């Protein structure tokens, strides 16, 4: 594909990066909605075995990690707390929990009575994601946000890492939903 001179003037490197990232995160949001279709509260909690993660927990965790990490980049409060999702979902976890490092027993306590709430939370997180991506400039991508790694983590690497983690968990949720349908 060749761009005209007018196309080159109207587009910037950041608009291309933003477009690709927005597409990826939109696919995650759409995938969450698709996984939630036709599931009830019991389906959200079903585990293939006692040590496995249920569909609902996987969707909650992917949204929590996206919310926590991107809110930190945007320097805003997580929608989990700001919009009252912690209280609305009524999970048996503390307000800062994201699922990271939880034991099988803790995961087993996951229960959401209304599956549409998980979709609502995922949509709210997607809104935060869009706002962050819309605010980024190309020079922001190289800003270091975590020096505990070698090489240090930049905004661009963190955003991509969050997207990659969300797609992995979405795939896991799709797989568990498929197993649920075959039980």
C-alpha atoms as a PDB file:
ATOM      1  CA  UNK A   1       0.000   0.000   0.000  1.00  0.00           C
ATOM      2  CA  UNK A   2       1.411   3.388  -0.888  1.00  0.00           C
ATOM      3  CA  UNK A   3       0.473   6.593   0.870  1.00  0.00           C
ATOM      4  CA  UNK A   4      -0.091   9.855  -0.950  1.00  0.00           C
ATOM      5  CA  UNK A   5       1.610  13.027   0.241  1.00  0.00           C
ATOM      6  CA  UNK A   6      -1.700  14.110   1.764  1.00  0.00           C
ATOM      7  CA  UNK A   7      -1.976  10.805   3.688  1.00  0.00           C
ATOM      8  CA  UNK A   8       1.545  11.259   5.054  1.00  0.00           C
ATOM      9  CA  UNK A   9       0.738  14.741   6.318  1.00  0.00           C
ATOM     10  CA  UNK A  10      -2.509  13.646   7.972  1.00  0.00           C
ATOM     11  CA  UNK A  11      -1.095  10.624   9.786  1.00  0.00           C
ATOM     12  CA  UNK A  12       1.547  10.457  12.450  1.00  0.00           C
ATOM     13  CA  UNK A  13       3.567   7.582  13.847  1.00  0.00           C
ATOM     14  CA  UNK A  14       1.523   7.812  17.061  1.00  0.00           C
ATOM     15  CA  UNK A  15      -1.779   7.579  15.205  1.00  0.00           C
ATOM     16  CA  UNK A  16      -0.620   4.274  13.717  1.00  0.00           C
ATOM     17  CA  UNK A  17       0.561   2.952  17.093  1.00  0.00           C
ATOM     18  CA  UNK A  18      -2.651   4.127  18.752  1.00  0.00           C
ATOM     19  CA  UNK A  19      -4.749   2.489  16.027  1.00  0.00           C
ATOM     20  CA  UNK A  20      -3.036  -0.886  16.456  1.00  0.00           C
ATOM     21  CA  UNK A  21      -3.271  -0.788  20.263  1.00  0.00           C
ATOM     22  CA  UNK A  22      -6.904   0.316  20.227  1.00  0.00           C
ATOM     23  CA  UNK A  23      -7.730  -2.506  17.841  1.00  0.00           C
ATOM     24  CA  UNK A  24      -6.067  -5.034  20.139  1.00  0.00           C
ATOM     25  CA  UNK A  25      -7.819  -3.778  23.263  1.00  0.00           C
ATOM     26  CA  UNK A  26     -11.155  -3.603  21.393  1.00  0.00           C
ATOM     27  CA  UNK A  27     -10.738  -7.271  20.493  1.00  0.00           C
ATOM     28  CA  UNK A  28     -10.278  -8.046  24.197  1.00  0.00           C
ATOM     29  CA  UNK A  29     -13.423  -6.127  25.155  1.00  0.00           C
ATOM     30  CA  UNK A  30     -15.415  -7.810  22.379  1.00  0.00           C
ATOM     31  CA  UNK A  31     -14.019 -11.196  23.428  1.00  0.00           C
ATOM     32  CA  UNK A  32     -15.045 -10.683  27.048  1.00  0.00           C
ATOM     33  CA  UNK A  33     -18.593  -9.874  25.919  1.00  0.00           C
ATOM     34  CA  UNK A  34     -18.620 -12.953  23.704  1.00  0.00           C
ATOM     35  CA  UNK A  35     -17.424 -15.250  26.485  1.00  0.00           C
ATOM     36  CA  UNK A  36     -20.080 -13.891  28.848  1.00  0.00           C
ATOM     37  CA  UNK A  37     -22.908 -14.652  26.403  1.00  0.00           C
ATOM     38  CA  UNK A  38     -25.317 -17.259  27.766  1.00  0.00           C
ATOM     39  CA  UNK A  39     -23.432 -17.756  31.056  1.00  0.00           C
ATOM     40  CA  UNK A  40     -25.094 -17.629  34.455  1.00  0.00           C
ATOM     41  CA  UNK A  41     -23.607 -17.159  37.918  1.00  0.00           C
ATOM     42  CA  UNK A  42     -22.930 -20.882  38.338  1.00  0.00           C
ATOM     43  CA  UNK A  43     -21.196 -21.064  34.948  1.00  0.00           C
ATOM     44  CA  UNK A  44     -18.890 -18.204  35.942  1.00  0.00           C
ATOM     45  CA  UNK A  45     -17.689 -20.250  38.932  1.00  0.00           C
ATOM     46  CA  UNK A  46     -17.323 -23.648  37.247  1.00  0.00           C
ATOM     47  CA  UNK A  47     -13.798 -25.073  37.410  1.00  0.00           C
ATOM     48  CA  UNK A  48     -12.551 -28.039  35.366  1.00  0.00           C
ATOM     49  CA  UNK A  49     -10.745 -29.171  38.522  1.00  0.00           C
ATOM     50  CA  UNK A  50     -10.206 -27.721  42.015  1.00  0.00           C
ATOM     51  CA  UNK A  51      -6.968 -25.996  41.043  1.00  0.00           C
ATOM     52  CA  UNK A  52      -8.214 -24.424  37.794  1.00  0.00           C
ATOM     53  CA  UNK A  53      -9.367 -20.864  37.247  1.00  0.00           C
ATOM     54  CA  UNK A  54     -13.051 -20.397  36.370  1.00  0.00           C
ATOM     55  CA  UNK A  55     -14.232 -18.322  33.422  1.00  0.00           C
ATOM     56  CA  UNK A  56     -15.542 -15.498  35.599  1.00  0.00           C
ATOM     57  CA  UNK A  57     -12.353 -15.218  37.606  1.00  0.00           C
ATOM     58  CA  UNK A  58     -10.243 -15.114  34.427  1.00  0.00           C
ATOM     59  CA  UNK A  59     -12.347 -12.289  32.982  1.00  0.00           C
ATOM     60  CA  UNK A  60     -12.267 -10.382  36.277  1.00  0.00           C
ATOM     61  CA  UNK A  61      -8.495 -10.830  36.597  1.00  0.00           C
ATOM     62  CA  UNK A  62      -7.754  -9.699  33.041  1.00  0.00           C
ATOM     63  CA  UNK A  63      -9.845  -6.582  33.637  1.00  0.00           C
ATOM     64  CA  UNK A  64      -8.256  -5.921  37.032  1.00  0.00           C
ATOM     65  CA  UNK A  65      -4.693  -6.171  35.725  1.00  0.00           C
ATOM     66  CA  UNK A  66      -5.552  -3.897  32.795  1.00  0.00           C
ATOM     67  CA  UNK A  67      -7.275  -1.409  35.108  1.00  0.00           C
ATOM     68  CA  UNK A  68      -4.496  -1.359  37.712  1.00  0.00           C
ATOM     69  CA  UNK A  69      -1.582  -1.044  35.325  1.00  0.00           C
ATOM     70  CA  UNK A  70      -3.109   1.436  32.876  1.00  0.00           C
ATOM     71  CA  UNK A  71      -4.582   3.628  35.632  1.00  0.00           C
ATOM     72  CA  UNK A  72      -1.060   3.860  37.065  1.00  0.00           C
ATOM     73  CA  UNK A  73       0.262   4.973  33.665  1.00  0.00           C
ATOM     74  CA  UNK A  74      -2.541   7.521  33.311  1.00  0.00           C
ATOM     75  CA  UNK A  75      -1.952   8.645  36.909  1.00  0.00           C
ATOM     76  CA  UNK A  76      -5.655   8.278  37.735  1.00  0.00           C
ATOM     77  CA  UNK A  77      -7.627   6.188  40.196  1.00  0.00           C
ATOM     78  CA  UNK A  78      -8.508   2.698  39.026  1.00  0.00           C
ATOM     79  CA  UNK A  79     -12.109   2.399  37.804  1.00  0.00           C
ATOM     80  CA  UNK A  80     -12.374  -0.573  40.186  1.00  0.00           C
ATOM     81  CA  UNK A  81     -12.438   1.890  43.090  1.00  0.00           C
ATOM     82  CA  UNK A  82     -13.432   5.149  41.398  1.00  0.00           C
ATOM     83  CA  UNK A  83     -16.613   3.732  39.858  1.00  0.00           C
ATOM     84  CA  UNK A  84     -17.493   1.419  42.746  1.00  0.00           C
ATOM     85  CA  UNK A  85     -16.933  -1.884  40.924  1.00  0.00           C
ATOM     86  CA  UNK A  86     -15.425  -3.451  44.026  1.00  0.00           C
ATOM     87  CA  UNK A  87     -18.710  -2.961  45.884  1.00  0.00           C
ATOM     88  CA  UNK A  88     -20.950  -3.784  42.911  1.00  0.00           C
ATOM     89  CA  UNK A  89     -19.310  -7.122  42.191  1.00  0.00           C
ATOM     90  CA  UNK A  90     -19.209  -8.026  45.891  1.00  0.00           C
ATOM     91  CA  UNK A  91     -16.240 -10.354  45.591  1.00  0.00           C
ATOM     92  CA  UNK A  92     -14.718 -11.811  48.764  1.00  0.00           C
ATOM     93  CA  UNK A  93     -11.418 -10.057  48.105  1.00  0.00           C
ATOM     94  CA  UNK A  94      -9.950  -6.832  49.422  1.00  0.00           C
ATOM     95  CA  UNK A  95     -10.334  -3.627  47.412  1.00  0.00           C
ATOM     96  CA  UNK A  96      -6.759  -3.825  46.079  1.00  0.00           C
ATOM     97  CA  UNK A  97      -6.959  -7.478  44.977  1.00  0.00           C
ATOM     98  CA  UNK A  98      -6.345  -8.194  41.316  1.00  0.00           C
ATOM     99  CA  UNK A  99      -6.046 -11.971  41.398  1.00  0.00           C
ATOM    100  CA  UNK A 100      -2.275 -11.921  41.095  1.00  0.00           C
ATOM    101  CA  UNK A 101      -0.785 -14.506  43.423  1.00  0.00           C
ATOM    102  CA  UNK A 102      -4.111 -15.831  44.677  1.00  0.00           C
ATOM    103  CA  UNK A 103      -4.210 -19.413  45.901  1.00  0.00           C
ATOM    104  CA  UNK A 104      -6.571 -22.013  44.431  1.00  0.00           C
ATOM    105  CA  UNK A 105      -8.652 -21.654  47.583  1.00  0.00           C
ATOM    106  CA  UNK A 106      -8.968 -17.884  47.135  1.00  0.00           C
ATOM    107  CA  UNK A 107      -9.857 -18.313  43.460  1.00  0.00           C
ATOM    108  CA  UNK A 108     -12.484 -20.866  44.516  1.00  0.00           C
ATOM    109  CA  UNK A 109     -14.310 -18.205  46.536  1.00  0.00           C
ATOM    110  CA  UNK A 110     -15.010 -16.208  43.354  1.00  0.00           C
ATOM    111  CA  UNK A 111     -18.730 -15.637  42.826  1.00  0.00           C
ATOM    112  CA  UNK A 112     -20.556 -12.951  40.838  1.00  0.00           C
ATOM    113  CA  UNK A 113     -24.345 -13.236  40.803  1.00  0.00           C
ATOM    114  CA  UNK A 114     -24.910 -11.062  37.719  1.00  0.00           C
ATOM    115  CA  UNK A 115     -22.647 -11.833  34.728  1.00  0.00           C
ATOM    116  CA  UNK A 116     -23.513  -8.490  33.122  1.00  0.00           C
ATOM    117  CA  UNK A 117     -21.554  -6.809  35.921  1.00  0.00           C
ATOM    118  CA  UNK A 118     -18.340  -8.418  34.669  1.00  0.00           C
ATOM    119  CA  UNK A 119     -19.095  -7.091  31.200  1.00  0.00           C
ATOM    120  CA  UNK A 120     -19.802  -3.660  32.653  1.00  0.00           C
ATOM    121  CA  UNK A 121     -16.531  -3.623  34.508  1.00  0.00           C
ATOM    122  CA  UNK A 122     -14.618  -4.735  31.386  1.00  0.00           C
ATOM    123  CA  UNK A 123     -16.319  -1.955  29.395  1.00  0.00           C
ATOM    124  CA  UNK A 124     -15.415   0.636  32.037  1.00  0.00           C
ATOM    125  CA  UNK A 125     -11.792  -0.534  31.932  1.00  0.00           C
ATOM    126  CA  UNK A 126     -11.860  -0.297  28.145  1.00  0.00           C
ATOM    127  CA  UNK A 127     -13.016   3.314  28.522  1.00  0.00           C
ATOM    128  CA  UNK A 128     -10.008   4.027  30.742  1.00  0.00           C
ATOM    129  CA  UNK A 129      -7.780   2.313  28.190  1.00  0.00           C
ATOM    130  CA  UNK A 130      -9.130   4.449  25.331  1.00  0.00           C
ATOM    131  CA  UNK A 131      -8.632   7.648  27.348  1.00  0.00           C
ATOM    132  CA  UNK A 132      -5.035   6.697  28.142  1.00  0.00           C
ATOM    133  CA  UNK A 133      -4.193   5.772  24.560  1.00  0.00           C
ATOM    134  CA  UNK A 134      -5.845   8.931  23.236  1.00  0.00           C
ATOM    135  CA  UNK A 135      -3.681  11.023  25.576  1.00  0.00           C
ATOM    136  CA  UNK A 136      -0.334   9.467  24.662  1.00  0.00           C
ATOM    137  CA  UNK A 137       2.139  11.174  22.375  1.00  0.00           C
ATOM    138  CA  UNK A 138       4.910   9.328  20.569  1.00  0.00           C
ATOM    139  CA  UNK A 139       7.556  10.593  23.012  1.00  0.00           C
ATOM    140  CA  UNK A 140       5.545   9.144  25.927  1.00  0.00           C
ATOM    141  CA  UNK A 141       6.155   5.613  24.655  1.00  0.00           C
ATOM    142  CA  UNK A 142       9.845   5.762  25.609  1.00  0.00           C
ATOM    143  CA  UNK A 143       9.282   7.151  29.113  1.00  0.00           C
ATOM    144  CA  UNK A 144      10.630   4.687  31.708  1.00  0.00           C
ATOM    145  CA  UNK A 145       8.038   3.623  34.279  1.00  0.00           C
ATOM    146  CA  UNK A 146       9.762   0.688  35.992  1.00  0.00           C
ATOM    147  CA  UNK A 147      13.503   0.408  36.604  1.00  0.00           C
ATOM    148  CA  UNK A 148      13.308  -2.965  38.358  1.00  0.00           C
ATOM    149  CA  UNK A 149      13.822  -4.729  35.020  1.00  0.00           C
ATOM    150  CA  UNK A 150      16.756  -4.879  32.629  1.00  0.00           C
ATOM    151  CA  UNK A 151      16.090  -3.174  30.343  1.00  0.00           C
ATOM    152  CA  UNK A 152      13.812  -0.788  32.248  1.00  0.00           C
ATOM    153  CA  UNK A 153      10.130  -0.892  31.278  1.00  0.00           C
ATOM    154  CA  UNK A 154       8.779   1.986  29.191  1.00  0.00           C
ATOM    155  CA  UNK A 155       5.198   3.157  28.736  1.00  0.00           C
ATOM    156  CA  UNK A 156       5.085   1.489  25.319  1.00  0.00           C
ATOM    157  CA  UNK A 157       6.353  -1.829  26.636  1.00  0.00           C
ATOM    158  CA  UNK A 158       3.950  -1.707  29.609  1.00  0.00           C
ATOM    159  CA  UNK A 159       0.914  -1.016  27.430  1.00  0.00           C
ATOM    160  CA  UNK A 160       1.854  -3.836  25.092  1.00  0.00           C
ATOM    161  CA  UNK A 161       2.509  -6.158  28.045  1.00  0.00           C
ATOM    162  CA  UNK A 162      -0.947  -5.410  29.467  1.00  0.00           C
ATOM    163  CA  UNK A 163      -2.531  -6.176  26.090  1.00  0.00           C
ATOM    164  CA  UNK A 164      -0.567  -9.412  25.776  1.00  0.00           C
ATOM    165  CA  UNK A 165      -1.583 -10.528  29.285  1.00  0.00           C
ATOM    166  CA  UNK A 166      -5.244  -9.699  28.620  1.00  0.00           C
ATOM    167  CA  UNK A 167      -5.277 -11.708  25.389  1.00  0.00           C
ATOM    168  CA  UNK A 168      -3.747 -14.712  27.157  1.00  0.00           C
ATOM    169  CA  UNK A 169      -6.388 -14.641  29.891  1.00  0.00           C
ATOM    170  CA  UNK A 170      -9.144 -14.131  27.336  1.00  0.00           C
ATOM    171  CA  UNK A 171      -7.953 -17.227  25.489  1.00  0.00           C
ATOM    172  CA  UNK A 172      -7.948 -19.179  28.733  1.00  0.00           C
ATOM    173  CA  UNK A 173     -11.510 -18.017  29.476  1.00  0.00           C
ATOM    174  CA  UNK A 174     -12.624 -19.050  25.992  1.00  0.00           C
ATOM    175  CA  UNK A 175     -11.076 -22.470  26.507  1.00  0.00           C
ATOM    176  CA  UNK A 176     -12.695 -22.993  29.914  1.00  0.00           C
ATOM    177  CA  UNK A 177     -16.046 -21.885  28.495  1.00  0.00           C
ATOM    178  CA  UNK A 178     -15.619 -24.499  25.769  1.00  0.00           C
ATOM    179  CA  UNK A 179     -14.929 -27.148  28.417  1.00  0.00           C
ATOM    180  CA  UNK A 180     -17.983 -25.965  30.344  1.00  0.00           C
ATOM    181  CA  UNK A 181     -20.120 -26.610  27.281  1.00  0.00           C
ATOM    182  CA  UNK A 182     -18.760 -30.175  26.975  1.00  0.00           C
ATOM    183  CA  UNK A 183     -19.145 -31.236  30.606  1.00  0.00           C
END
